PDB file of N, CA and C in Angstrom:
ATOM      1  N   MET A   1       0.850  -1.173   0.000  1.00  0.00           N
ATOM      2  CA  MET A   1       0.000   0.000   0.000  1.00  0.00           C
ATOM      3  C   MET A   1       0.897   1.238   0.000  1.00  0.00           C
ATOM      4  N   PRO A   2       0.665   2.149  -0.914  1.00  0.00           N
ATOM      5  CA  PRO A   2       1.498   3.352  -0.953  1.00  0.00           C
ATOM      6  C   PRO A   2       1.257   4.230   0.273  1.00  0.00           C
ATOM      7  N   ALA A   3       2.232   5.072   0.557  1.00  0.00           N
ATOM      8  CA  ALA A   3       2.090   6.026   1.658  1.00  0.00           C
ATOM      9  C   ALA A   3       0.841   6.861   1.414  1.00  0.00           C
ATOM     10  N   ARG A   4       0.156   7.203   2.493  1.00  0.00           N
ATOM     11  CA  ARG A   4      -1.080   7.975   2.354  1.00  0.00           C
ATOM     12  C   ARG A   4      -1.138   9.081   3.394  1.00  0.00           C
ATOM     13  N   SER A   5      -2.025  10.022   3.163  1.00  0.00           N
ATOM     14  CA  SER A   5      -2.177  11.176   4.052  1.00  0.00           C
ATOM     15  C   SER A   5      -3.037  10.795   5.258  1.00  0.00           C
ATOM     16  N   GLY A   6      -3.071  11.675   6.233  1.00  0.00           N
ATOM     17  CA  GLY A   6      -3.913  11.462   7.407  1.00  0.00           C
ATOM     18  C   GLY A   6      -5.381  11.374   7.043  1.00  0.00           C
ATOM     19  N   ILE A   7      -5.813  12.203   6.117  1.00  0.00           N
ATOM     20  CA  ILE A   7      -7.211  12.175   5.682  1.00  0.00           C
ATOM     21  C   ILE A   7      -7.517  10.838   5.007  1.00  0.00           C
ATOM     22  N   GLN A   8      -6.596  10.350   4.197  1.00  0.00           N
ATOM     23  CA  GLN A   8      -6.803   9.056   3.551  1.00  0.00           C
ATOM     24  C   GLN A   8      -6.844   7.926   4.579  1.00  0.00           C
ATOM     25  N   TYR A   9      -6.014   8.017   5.604  1.00  0.00           N
ATOM     26  CA  TYR A   9      -6.007   7.026   6.686  1.00  0.00           C
ATOM     27  C   TYR A   9      -7.365   6.990   7.388  1.00  0.00           C
ATOM     28  N   LEU A  10      -7.872   8.155   7.786  1.00  0.00           N
ATOM     29  CA  LEU A  10      -9.162   8.225   8.482  1.00  0.00           C
ATOM     30  C   LEU A  10     -10.296   7.776   7.569  1.00  0.00           C
ATOM     31  N   GLN A  11     -10.221   8.142   6.300  1.00  0.00           N
ATOM     32  CA  GLN A  11     -11.235   7.708   5.341  1.00  0.00           C
ATOM     33  C   GLN A  11     -11.222   6.179   5.226  1.00  0.00           C
ATOM     34  N   GLY A  12     -10.034   5.582   5.241  1.00  0.00           N
ATOM     35  CA  GLY A  12      -9.921   4.135   5.188  1.00  0.00           C
ATOM     36  C   GLY A  12     -10.546   3.465   6.402  1.00  0.00           C
ATOM     37  N   LEU A  13     -10.397   4.082   7.573  1.00  0.00           N
ATOM     38  CA  LEU A  13     -11.037   3.543   8.778  1.00  0.00           C
ATOM     39  C   LEU A  13     -12.553   3.555   8.642  1.00  0.00           C
ATOM     40  N   ARG A  14     -13.059   4.598   8.020  1.00  0.00           N
ATOM     41  CA  ARG A  14     -14.513   4.709   7.853  1.00  0.00           C
ATOM     42  C   ARG A  14     -15.031   3.727   6.789  1.00  0.00           C
ATOM     43  N   GLU A  15     -14.263   3.555   5.722  1.00  0.00           N
ATOM     44  CA  GLU A  15     -14.703   2.692   4.621  1.00  0.00           C
ATOM     45  C   GLU A  15     -14.552   1.207   4.929  1.00  0.00           C
ATOM     46  N   ARG A  16     -13.547   0.858   5.721  1.00  0.00           N
ATOM     47  CA  ARG A  16     -13.285  -0.546   6.053  1.00  0.00           C
ATOM     48  C   ARG A  16     -13.111  -0.673   7.566  1.00  0.00           C
ATOM     49  N   PRO A  17     -14.198  -0.497   8.308  1.00  0.00           N
ATOM     50  CA  PRO A  17     -14.077  -0.421   9.760  1.00  0.00           C
ATOM     51  C   PRO A  17     -13.750  -1.734  10.458  1.00  0.00           C
ATOM     52  N   GLY A  18     -13.994  -2.858   9.819  1.00  0.00           N
ATOM     53  CA  GLY A  18     -13.782  -4.121  10.517  1.00  0.00           C
ATOM     54  C   GLY A  18     -14.814  -4.266  11.619  1.00  0.00           C
ATOM     55  N   GLU A  19     -14.500  -5.062  12.588  1.00  0.00           N
ATOM     56  CA  GLU A  19     -15.416  -5.245  13.716  1.00  0.00           C
ATOM     57  C   GLU A  19     -14.662  -4.948  14.994  1.00  0.00           C
ATOM     58  N   VAL A  20     -14.935  -3.795  15.570  1.00  0.00           N
ATOM     59  CA  VAL A  20     -14.261  -3.362  16.787  1.00  0.00           C
ATOM     60  C   VAL A  20     -15.316  -3.147  17.868  1.00  0.00           C
ATOM     61  N   TRP A  21     -15.030  -3.705  19.029  1.00  0.00           N
ATOM     62  CA  TRP A  21     -15.918  -3.561  20.182  1.00  0.00           C
ATOM     63  C   TRP A  21     -15.143  -2.878  21.295  1.00  0.00           C
ATOM     64  N   LEU A  22     -15.802  -1.962  21.967  1.00  0.00           N
ATOM     65  CA  LEU A  22     -15.187  -1.223  23.063  1.00  0.00           C
ATOM     66  C   LEU A  22     -16.193  -1.135  24.197  1.00  0.00           C
ATOM     67  N   SER A  23     -15.845  -1.650  25.343  1.00  0.00           N
ATOM     68  CA  SER A  23     -16.734  -1.648  26.516  1.00  0.00           C
ATOM     69  C   SER A  23     -18.092  -2.273  26.195  1.00  0.00           C
ATOM     70  N   GLY A  24     -18.069  -3.371  25.443  1.00  0.00           N
ATOM     71  CA  GLY A  24     -19.298  -4.085  25.131  1.00  0.00           C
ATOM     72  C   GLY A  24     -20.148  -3.477  24.031  1.00  0.00           C
ATOM     73  N   GLN A  25     -19.677  -2.413  23.402  1.00  0.00           N
ATOM     74  CA  GLN A  25     -20.424  -1.741  22.334  1.00  0.00           C
ATOM     75  C   GLN A  25     -19.630  -1.831  21.028  1.00  0.00           C
ATOM     76  N   ARG A  26     -20.343  -2.117  19.947  1.00  0.00           N
ATOM     77  CA  ARG A  26     -19.675  -2.118  18.651  1.00  0.00           C
ATOM     78  C   ARG A  26     -19.418  -0.678  18.223  1.00  0.00           C
ATOM     79  N   VAL A  27     -18.215  -0.422  17.740  1.00  0.00           N
ATOM     80  CA  VAL A  27     -17.828   0.916  17.301  1.00  0.00           C
ATOM     81  C   VAL A  27     -18.137   1.034  15.816  1.00  0.00           C
ATOM     82  N   ALA A  28     -19.039   1.947  15.478  1.00  0.00           N
ATOM     83  CA  ALA A  28     -19.449   2.124  14.080  1.00  0.00           C
ATOM     84  C   ALA A  28     -18.443   2.965  13.302  1.00  0.00           C
ATOM     85  N   ASP A  29     -17.907   4.017  13.919  1.00  0.00           N
ATOM     86  CA  ASP A  29     -16.978   4.913  13.226  1.00  0.00           C
ATOM     87  C   ASP A  29     -15.712   5.042  14.066  1.00  0.00           C
ATOM     88  N   LEU A  30     -14.689   4.276  13.683  1.00  0.00           N
ATOM     89  CA  LEU A  30     -13.437   4.282  14.436  1.00  0.00           C
ATOM     90  C   LEU A  30     -12.788   5.661  14.463  1.00  0.00           C
ATOM     91  N   ALA A  31     -12.941   6.403  13.385  1.00  0.00           N
ATOM     92  CA  ALA A  31     -12.267   7.695  13.255  1.00  0.00           C
ATOM     93  C   ALA A  31     -12.844   8.767  14.163  1.00  0.00           C
ATOM     94  N   SER A  32     -14.089   8.608  14.607  1.00  0.00           N
ATOM     95  CA  SER A  32     -14.674   9.674  15.425  1.00  0.00           C
ATOM     96  C   SER A  32     -15.071   9.220  16.829  1.00  0.00           C
ATOM     97  N   HIS A  33     -14.892   7.962  17.154  1.00  0.00           N
ATOM     98  CA  HIS A  33     -15.272   7.475  18.482  1.00  0.00           C
ATOM     99  C   HIS A  33     -14.334   8.068  19.533  1.00  0.00           C
ATOM    100  N   PRO A  34     -14.887   8.666  20.600  1.00  0.00           N
ATOM    101  CA  PRO A  34     -14.026   9.310  21.602  1.00  0.00           C
ATOM    102  C   PRO A  34     -13.067   8.339  22.294  1.00  0.00           C
ATOM    103  N   GLY A  35     -13.453   7.085  22.421  1.00  0.00           N
ATOM    104  CA  GLY A  35     -12.582   6.110  23.067  1.00  0.00           C
ATOM    105  C   GLY A  35     -11.407   5.684  22.208  1.00  0.00           C
ATOM    106  N   LEU A  36     -11.435   6.055  20.955  1.00  0.00           N
ATOM    107  CA  LEU A  36     -10.360   5.708  20.029  1.00  0.00           C
ATOM    108  C   LEU A  36      -9.724   6.959  19.432  1.00  0.00           C
ATOM    109  N   SER A  37      -9.683   8.009  20.200  1.00  0.00           N
ATOM    110  CA  SER A  37      -9.142   9.277  19.698  1.00  0.00           C
ATOM    111  C   SER A  37      -7.682   9.141  19.281  1.00  0.00           C
ATOM    112  N   CYS A  38      -7.016   8.094  19.768  1.00  0.00           N
ATOM    113  CA  CYS A  38      -5.633   7.867  19.334  1.00  0.00           C
ATOM    114  C   CYS A  38      -5.566   7.670  17.820  1.00  0.00           C
ATOM    115  N   CYS A  39      -6.635   7.153  17.232  1.00  0.00           N
ATOM    116  CA  CYS A  39      -6.681   6.960  15.769  1.00  0.00           C
ATOM    117  C   CYS A  39      -6.577   8.296  15.047  1.00  0.00           C
ATOM    118  N   THR A  40      -7.331   9.267  15.507  1.00  0.00           N
ATOM    119  CA  THR A  40      -7.308  10.563  14.827  1.00  0.00           C
ATOM    120  C   THR A  40      -5.993  11.291  15.097  1.00  0.00           C
ATOM    121  N   ARG A  41      -5.427  11.122  16.291  1.00  0.00           N
ATOM    122  CA  ARG A  41      -4.147  11.772  16.575  1.00  0.00           C
ATOM    123  C   ARG A  41      -3.026  11.175  15.730  1.00  0.00           C
ATOM    124  N   SER A  42      -3.084   9.871  15.462  1.00  0.00           N
ATOM    125  CA  SER A  42      -2.021   9.249  14.680  1.00  0.00           C
ATOM    126  C   SER A  42      -2.090   9.643  13.203  1.00  0.00           C
ATOM    127  N   ALA A  43      -3.186  10.237  12.777  1.00  0.00           N
ATOM    128  CA  ALA A  43      -3.300  10.677  11.391  1.00  0.00           C
ATOM    129  C   ALA A  43      -2.208  11.685  11.040  1.00  0.00           C
ATOM    130  N   ALA A  44      -1.744  12.451  12.007  1.00  0.00           N
ATOM    131  CA  ALA A  44      -0.685  13.429  11.759  1.00  0.00           C
ATOM    132  C   ALA A  44       0.608  12.746  11.307  1.00  0.00           C
ATOM    133  N   LEU A  45       0.850  11.523  11.772  1.00  0.00           N
ATOM    134  CA  LEU A  45       2.049  10.795  11.339  1.00  0.00           C
ATOM    135  C   LEU A  45       1.977  10.450   9.859  1.00  0.00           C
ATOM    136  N   TYR A  46       0.777  10.161   9.387  1.00  0.00           N
ATOM    137  CA  TYR A  46       0.618   9.870   7.966  1.00  0.00           C
ATOM    138  C   TYR A  46       0.913  11.119   7.139  1.00  0.00           C
ATOM    139  N   ASP A  47       0.489  12.271   7.626  1.00  0.00           N
ATOM    140  CA  ASP A  47       0.801  13.518   6.922  1.00  0.00           C
ATOM    141  C   ASP A  47       2.304  13.774   6.916  1.00  0.00           C
ATOM    142  N   MET A  48       2.964  13.456   8.044  1.00  0.00           N
ATOM    143  CA  MET A  48       4.410  13.679   8.134  1.00  0.00           C
ATOM    144  C   MET A  48       5.171  12.849   7.101  1.00  0.00           C
ATOM    145  N   GLN A  49       4.721  11.613   6.863  1.00  0.00           N
ATOM    146  CA  GLN A  49       5.474  10.780   5.930  1.00  0.00           C
ATOM    147  C   GLN A  49       5.387  11.282   4.496  1.00  0.00           C
ATOM    148  N   LEU A  50       4.411  12.126   4.195  1.00  0.00           N
ATOM    149  CA  LEU A  50       4.307  12.705   2.854  1.00  0.00           C
ATOM    150  C   LEU A  50       4.952  14.083   2.756  1.00  0.00           C
ATOM    151  N   ASP A  51       5.348  14.632   3.886  1.00  0.00           N
ATOM    152  CA  ASP A  51       6.014  15.935   3.917  1.00  0.00           C
ATOM    153  C   ASP A  51       7.411  15.768   3.297  1.00  0.00           C
ATOM    154  N   PRO A  52       7.760  16.579   2.299  1.00  0.00           N
ATOM    155  CA  PRO A  52       9.072  16.443   1.661  1.00  0.00           C
ATOM    156  C   PRO A  52      10.237  16.453   2.652  1.00  0.00           C
ATOM    157  N   GLU A  53      10.069  17.135   3.777  1.00  0.00           N
ATOM    158  CA  GLU A  53      11.128  17.201   4.788  1.00  0.00           C
ATOM    159  C   GLU A  53      11.386  15.837   5.433  1.00  0.00           C
ATOM    160  N   HIS A  54      10.377  14.996   5.516  1.00  0.00           N
ATOM    161  CA  HIS A  54      10.494  13.703   6.204  1.00  0.00           C
ATOM    162  C   HIS A  54      10.366  12.498   5.271  1.00  0.00           C
ATOM    163  N   LEU A  55      10.135  12.743   4.000  1.00  0.00           N
ATOM    164  CA  LEU A  55       9.859  11.672   3.045  1.00  0.00           C
ATOM    165  C   LEU A  55      10.930  10.579   3.056  1.00  0.00           C
ATOM    166  N   GLY A  56      12.186  10.965   3.049  1.00  0.00           N
ATOM    167  CA  GLY A  56      13.281   9.995   3.014  1.00  0.00           C
ATOM    168  C   GLY A  56      13.456   9.215   4.292  1.00  0.00           C
ATOM    169  N   GLU A  57      13.056   9.780   5.413  1.00  0.00           N
ATOM    170  CA  GLU A  57      13.189   9.096   6.702  1.00  0.00           C
ATOM    171  C   GLU A  57      11.994   8.201   7.003  1.00  0.00           C
ATOM    172  N   MET A  58      10.822   8.566   6.498  1.00  0.00           N
ATOM    173  CA  MET A  58       9.601   7.857   6.875  1.00  0.00           C
ATOM    174  C   MET A  58       9.048   6.946   5.791  1.00  0.00           C
ATOM    175  N   THR A  59       9.634   7.006   4.590  1.00  0.00           N
ATOM    176  CA  THR A  59       9.164   6.145   3.499  1.00  0.00           C
ATOM    177  C   THR A  59      10.362   5.608   2.718  1.00  0.00           C
ATOM    178  N   HIS A  60      10.083   4.627   1.897  1.00  0.00           N
ATOM    179  CA  HIS A  60      11.083   4.130   0.954  1.00  0.00           C
ATOM    180  C   HIS A  60      10.350   3.727  -0.318  1.00  0.00           C
ATOM    181  N   ARG A  61      11.082   3.596  -1.396  1.00  0.00           N
ATOM    182  CA  ARG A  61      10.477   3.216  -2.666  1.00  0.00           C
ATOM    183  C   ARG A  61      10.361   1.691  -2.720  1.00  0.00           C
ATOM    184  N   SER A  62       9.151   1.216  -2.929  1.00  0.00           N
ATOM    185  CA  SER A  62       8.889  -0.212  -2.998  1.00  0.00           C
ATOM    186  C   SER A  62       9.506  -0.807  -4.260  1.00  0.00           C
ATOM    187  N   THR A  63      10.157  -1.951  -4.108  1.00  0.00           N
ATOM    188  CA  THR A  63      10.718  -2.626  -5.281  1.00  0.00           C
ATOM    189  C   THR A  63       9.622  -3.309  -6.087  1.00  0.00           C
ATOM    190  N   ARG A  64       8.470  -3.550  -5.474  1.00  0.00           N
ATOM    191  CA  ARG A  64       7.359  -4.190  -6.183  1.00  0.00           C
ATOM    192  C   ARG A  64       6.538  -3.206  -7.014  1.00  0.00           C
ATOM    193  N   SER A  65       6.221  -2.054  -6.396  1.00  0.00           N
ATOM    194  CA  SER A  65       5.301  -1.129  -7.057  1.00  0.00           C
ATOM    195  C   SER A  65       5.958   0.164  -7.524  1.00  0.00           C
ATOM    196  N   ASP A  66       7.173   0.418  -7.069  1.00  0.00           N
ATOM    197  CA  ASP A  66       7.889   1.661  -7.334  1.00  0.00           C
ATOM    198  C   ASP A  66       7.207   2.874  -6.702  1.00  0.00           C
ATOM    199  N   GLN A  67       6.267   2.634  -5.772  1.00  0.00           N
ATOM    200  CA  GLN A  67       5.616   3.722  -5.040  1.00  0.00           C
ATOM    201  C   GLN A  67       6.287   3.879  -3.687  1.00  0.00           C
ATOM    202  N   ARG A  68       6.141   5.063  -3.096  1.00  0.00           N
ATOM    203  CA  ARG A  68       6.671   5.291  -1.760  1.00  0.00           C
ATOM    204  C   ARG A  68       5.748   4.602  -0.760  1.00  0.00           C
ATOM    205  N   VAL A  69       6.332   3.854   0.154  1.00  0.00           N
ATOM    206  CA  VAL A  69       5.574   3.174   1.202  1.00  0.00           C
ATOM    207  C   VAL A  69       6.202   3.502   2.552  1.00  0.00           C
ATOM    208  N   GLY A  70       5.391   3.402   3.607  1.00  0.00           N
ATOM    209  CA  GLY A  70       5.869   3.705   4.951  1.00  0.00           C
ATOM    210  C   GLY A  70       6.943   2.739   5.408  1.00  0.00           C
ATOM    211  N   MET A  71       7.884   3.241   6.191  1.00  0.00           N
ATOM    212  CA  MET A  71       8.972   2.412   6.709  1.00  0.00           C
ATOM    213  C   MET A  71       8.460   1.303   7.622  1.00  0.00           C
ATOM    214  N   SER A  72       7.254   1.440   8.128  1.00  0.00           N
ATOM    215  CA  SER A  72       6.711   0.400   9.004  1.00  0.00           C
ATOM    216  C   SER A  72       6.503  -0.919   8.255  1.00  0.00           C
ATOM    217  N   PHE A  73       6.551  -0.893   6.919  1.00  0.00           N
ATOM    218  CA  PHE A  73       6.401  -2.113   6.129  1.00  0.00           C
ATOM    219  C   PHE A  73       7.738  -2.791   5.843  1.00  0.00           C
ATOM    220  N   VAL A  74       8.831  -2.202   6.317  1.00  0.00           N
ATOM    221  CA  VAL A  74      10.154  -2.781   6.095  1.00  0.00           C
ATOM    222  C   VAL A  74      10.449  -3.768   7.225  1.00  0.00           C
ATOM    223  N   THR A  75      10.815  -4.981   6.870  1.00  0.00           N
ATOM    224  CA  THR A  75      11.215  -5.969   7.870  1.00  0.00           C
ATOM    225  C   THR A  75      12.722  -5.859   8.062  1.00  0.00           C
ATOM    226  N   PRO A  76      13.144  -5.470   9.270  1.00  0.00           N
ATOM    227  CA  PRO A  76      14.595  -5.356   9.506  1.00  0.00           C
ATOM    228  C   PRO A  76      15.285  -6.716   9.348  1.00  0.00           C
ATOM    229  N   GLN A  77      16.429  -6.703   8.698  1.00  0.00           N
ATOM    230  CA  GLN A  77      17.204  -7.932   8.486  1.00  0.00           C
ATOM    231  C   GLN A  77      18.505  -7.929   9.285  1.00  0.00           C
ATOM    232  N   THR A  78      18.965  -6.739   9.670  1.00  0.00           N
ATOM    233  CA  THR A  78      20.230  -6.624  10.378  1.00  0.00           C
ATOM    234  C   THR A  78      20.083  -5.659  11.548  1.00  0.00           C
ATOM    235  N   GLN A  79      21.091  -5.620  12.390  1.00  0.00           N
ATOM    236  CA  GLN A  79      21.129  -4.661  13.497  1.00  0.00           C
ATOM    237  C   GLN A  79      21.105  -3.238  12.947  1.00  0.00           C
ATOM    238  N   GLN A  80      21.799  -3.018  11.844  1.00  0.00           N
ATOM    239  CA  GLN A  80      21.825  -1.689  11.213  1.00  0.00           C
ATOM    240  C   GLN A  80      20.428  -1.275  10.751  1.00  0.00           C
ATOM    241  N   ASP A  81      19.677  -2.226  10.213  1.00  0.00           N
ATOM    242  CA  ASP A  81      18.300  -1.931   9.813  1.00  0.00           C
ATOM    243  C   ASP A  81      17.491  -1.458  11.017  1.00  0.00           C
ATOM    244  N   LEU A  82      17.665  -2.113  12.136  1.00  0.00           N
ATOM    245  CA  LEU A  82      16.927  -1.749  13.354  1.00  0.00           C
ATOM    246  C   LEU A  82      17.299  -0.359  13.844  1.00  0.00           C
ATOM    247  N   GLU A  83      18.538   0.008  13.624  1.00  0.00           N
ATOM    248  CA  GLU A  83      19.023   1.314  14.062  1.00  0.00           C
ATOM    249  C   GLU A  83      18.698   2.408  13.055  1.00  0.00           C
ATOM    250  N   GLY A  84      18.127   2.037  11.928  1.00  0.00           N
ATOM    251  CA  GLY A  84      17.738   3.034  10.930  1.00  0.00           C
ATOM    252  C   GLY A  84      18.865   3.452  10.013  1.00  0.00           C
ATOM    253  N   GLY A  85      19.909   2.681   9.923  1.00  0.00           N
ATOM    254  CA  GLY A  85      21.061   3.038   9.104  1.00  0.00           C
ATOM    255  C   GLY A  85      21.005   2.425   7.800  1.00  0.00           C
TER     256      GLY A  85
END
């Protein structure tokens, strides 16, 4: 999946909510539920990965699609990978 903006992330939560239950209640809208406000706060990280200032640190070019993808999709293979080198 290519890197996406915070708005795209929240839109994805709304379009594909899955099945989430919180305190015995099914959550219909993950993006706006007060008990899951961490979801909306994390949207800023998605915006950061598209910011030209952080693009190289937070994304890499996929060898499969040639699109920029988040570094969270990289599986570290070495100690250097874990250290971000």
